[in-house]
């Protein structure tokens, strides 16, 4: 694929991990203060369901991180451009 452009699978995975992050925060609030935030807890189907949502969302984020670390280990030349921002292409292309 072209440098600086994400394919459909990459875009989907980044949107998915962002959605999982939102779920982690909301479900975390629901299990942290279930009495004060009973409305939020009920959106998840109750305290126990919020715990399951929180667990599986965290597992999804962890899997995303493990996959990225594995890919960096398989292709270590991709790490420096991730840190430095890599080469810049002309914005006209």
C-alpha atoms as a PDB file:
ATOM      1  CA  UNK A   1       0.000   0.000   0.000  1.00  0.00           C
ATOM      2  CA  UNK A   2       1.083   3.611  -0.436  1.00  0.00           C
ATOM      3  CA  UNK A   3       3.053   5.341   2.290  1.00  0.00           C
ATOM      4  CA  UNK A   4       0.828   7.386   4.569  1.00  0.00           C
ATOM      5  CA  UNK A   5      -2.417   5.751   3.422  1.00  0.00           C
ATOM      6  CA  UNK A   6      -4.349   3.190   5.450  1.00  0.00           C
ATOM      7  CA  UNK A   7      -6.255   0.343   3.827  1.00  0.00           C
ATOM      8  CA  UNK A   8      -9.811  -0.599   4.796  1.00  0.00           C
ATOM      9  CA  UNK A   9      -8.758  -3.207   7.378  1.00  0.00           C
ATOM     10  CA  UNK A  10      -6.424  -0.733   9.083  1.00  0.00           C
ATOM     11  CA  UNK A  11      -9.088   1.966   9.163  1.00  0.00           C
ATOM     12  CA  UNK A  12     -11.659  -0.453  10.553  1.00  0.00           C
ATOM     13  CA  UNK A  13      -9.298  -1.686  13.264  1.00  0.00           C
ATOM     14  CA  UNK A  14      -8.435   1.859  14.378  1.00  0.00           C
ATOM     15  CA  UNK A  15     -12.119   2.848  14.511  1.00  0.00           C
ATOM     16  CA  UNK A  16     -12.854  -0.366  16.399  1.00  0.00           C
ATOM     17  CA  UNK A  17     -10.184   0.286  19.026  1.00  0.00           C
ATOM     18  CA  UNK A  18     -11.509   3.830  19.482  1.00  0.00           C
ATOM     19  CA  UNK A  19     -15.020   2.444  20.006  1.00  0.00           C
ATOM     20  CA  UNK A  20     -13.616  -0.101  22.460  1.00  0.00           C
ATOM     21  CA  UNK A  21     -11.946   2.749  24.338  1.00  0.00           C
ATOM     22  CA  UNK A  22     -15.268   4.539  24.674  1.00  0.00           C
ATOM     23  CA  UNK A  23     -16.903   1.308  25.871  1.00  0.00           C
ATOM     24  CA  UNK A  24     -14.138   0.772  28.432  1.00  0.00           C
ATOM     25  CA  UNK A  25     -14.603   4.252  29.878  1.00  0.00           C
ATOM     26  CA  UNK A  26     -18.394   4.089  29.992  1.00  0.00           C
ATOM     27  CA  UNK A  27     -18.559   0.553  31.365  1.00  0.00           C
ATOM     28  CA  UNK A  28     -15.803   1.395  33.825  1.00  0.00           C
ATOM     29  CA  UNK A  29     -17.835   4.309  35.134  1.00  0.00           C
ATOM     30  CA  UNK A  30     -20.881   2.042  35.372  1.00  0.00           C
ATOM     31  CA  UNK A  31     -19.047  -0.531  37.501  1.00  0.00           C
ATOM     32  CA  UNK A  32     -17.171   2.090  39.537  1.00  0.00           C
ATOM     33  CA  UNK A  33     -20.298   3.952  40.715  1.00  0.00           C
ATOM     34  CA  UNK A  34     -23.260   1.674  39.955  1.00  0.00           C
ATOM     35  CA  UNK A  35     -25.561   3.345  42.482  1.00  0.00           C
ATOM     36  CA  UNK A  36     -24.831   6.931  41.486  1.00  0.00           C
ATOM     37  CA  UNK A  37     -24.734   6.101  37.758  1.00  0.00           C
ATOM     38  CA  UNK A  38     -27.568   3.571  37.743  1.00  0.00           C
ATOM     39  CA  UNK A  39     -28.843   4.916  34.425  1.00  0.00           C
ATOM     40  CA  UNK A  40     -25.518   4.187  32.772  1.00  0.00           C
ATOM     41  CA  UNK A  41     -25.312   0.764  34.399  1.00  0.00           C
ATOM     42  CA  UNK A  42     -28.815  -0.049  33.178  1.00  0.00           C
ATOM     43  CA  UNK A  43     -27.777   0.856  29.603  1.00  0.00           C
ATOM     44  CA  UNK A  44     -25.334  -2.033  29.810  1.00  0.00           C
ATOM     45  CA  UNK A  45     -28.005  -4.339  31.219  1.00  0.00           C
ATOM     46  CA  UNK A  46     -26.997  -4.002  34.842  1.00  0.00           C
ATOM     47  CA  UNK A  47     -23.832  -4.206  36.890  1.00  0.00           C
ATOM     48  CA  UNK A  48     -22.881  -7.746  35.879  1.00  0.00           C
ATOM     49  CA  UNK A  49     -23.363  -7.071  32.175  1.00  0.00           C
ATOM     50  CA  UNK A  50     -21.293  -3.885  32.462  1.00  0.00           C
ATOM     51  CA  UNK A  51     -18.496  -5.985  33.981  1.00  0.00           C
ATOM     52  CA  UNK A  52     -18.583  -8.353  31.006  1.00  0.00           C
ATOM     53  CA  UNK A  53     -18.610  -5.477  28.524  1.00  0.00           C
ATOM     54  CA  UNK A  54     -15.672  -3.881  30.348  1.00  0.00           C
ATOM     55  CA  UNK A  55     -13.712  -7.139  30.383  1.00  0.00           C
ATOM     56  CA  UNK A  56     -14.230  -7.937  26.700  1.00  0.00           C
ATOM     57  CA  UNK A  57     -13.540  -4.374  25.580  1.00  0.00           C
ATOM     58  CA  UNK A  58     -10.273  -4.414  27.545  1.00  0.00           C
ATOM     59  CA  UNK A  59      -9.434  -7.797  26.025  1.00  0.00           C
ATOM     60  CA  UNK A  60     -10.034  -6.318  22.560  1.00  0.00           C
ATOM     61  CA  UNK A  61      -7.706  -3.396  23.263  1.00  0.00           C
ATOM     62  CA  UNK A  62      -5.081  -5.797  24.633  1.00  0.00           C
ATOM     63  CA  UNK A  63      -5.373  -7.956  21.505  1.00  0.00           C
ATOM     64  CA  UNK A  64      -4.951  -4.837  19.342  1.00  0.00           C
ATOM     65  CA  UNK A  65      -1.755  -3.938  21.222  1.00  0.00           C
ATOM     66  CA  UNK A  66      -0.383  -7.495  21.066  1.00  0.00           C
ATOM     67  CA  UNK A  67      -1.072  -7.620  17.319  1.00  0.00           C
ATOM     68  CA  UNK A  68       0.732  -4.328  16.764  1.00  0.00           C
ATOM     69  CA  UNK A  69       3.725  -5.428  18.839  1.00  0.00           C
ATOM     70  CA  UNK A  70       3.848  -8.717  16.940  1.00  0.00           C
ATOM     71  CA  UNK A  71       3.795  -6.918  13.599  1.00  0.00           C
ATOM     72  CA  UNK A  72       6.610  -4.614  14.732  1.00  0.00           C
ATOM     73  CA  UNK A  73       8.668  -7.640  15.793  1.00  0.00           C
ATOM     74  CA  UNK A  74       8.050  -9.287  12.411  1.00  0.00           C
ATOM     75  CA  UNK A  75       8.985  -6.135  10.467  1.00  0.00           C
ATOM     76  CA  UNK A  76      11.283  -4.120  12.764  1.00  0.00           C
ATOM     77  CA  UNK A  77      12.087  -1.559  10.068  1.00  0.00           C
ATOM     78  CA  UNK A  78       8.610  -0.088  10.583  1.00  0.00           C
ATOM     79  CA  UNK A  79       9.332   1.024  14.156  1.00  0.00           C
ATOM     80  CA  UNK A  80      11.562   4.093  13.515  1.00  0.00           C
ATOM     81  CA  UNK A  81       9.083   5.706  11.071  1.00  0.00           C
ATOM     82  CA  UNK A  82       6.298   5.195  13.655  1.00  0.00           C
ATOM     83  CA  UNK A  83       8.301   7.073  16.258  1.00  0.00           C
ATOM     84  CA  UNK A  84       9.714   9.822  14.060  1.00  0.00           C
ATOM     85  CA  UNK A  85       6.752  10.266  11.750  1.00  0.00           C
ATOM     86  CA  UNK A  86       8.542   8.726   8.777  1.00  0.00           C
ATOM     87  CA  UNK A  87       9.154  10.258   5.414  1.00  0.00           C
ATOM     88  CA  UNK A  88       6.872  12.966   4.127  1.00  0.00           C
ATOM     89  CA  UNK A  89       5.243  12.653   0.723  1.00  0.00           C
ATOM     90  CA  UNK A  90       4.254  15.591  -1.422  1.00  0.00           C
ATOM     91  CA  UNK A  91       0.740  16.680  -0.504  1.00  0.00           C
ATOM     92  CA  UNK A  92      -0.105  16.929  -4.229  1.00  0.00           C
ATOM     93  CA  UNK A  93      -0.202  13.149  -4.750  1.00  0.00           C
END
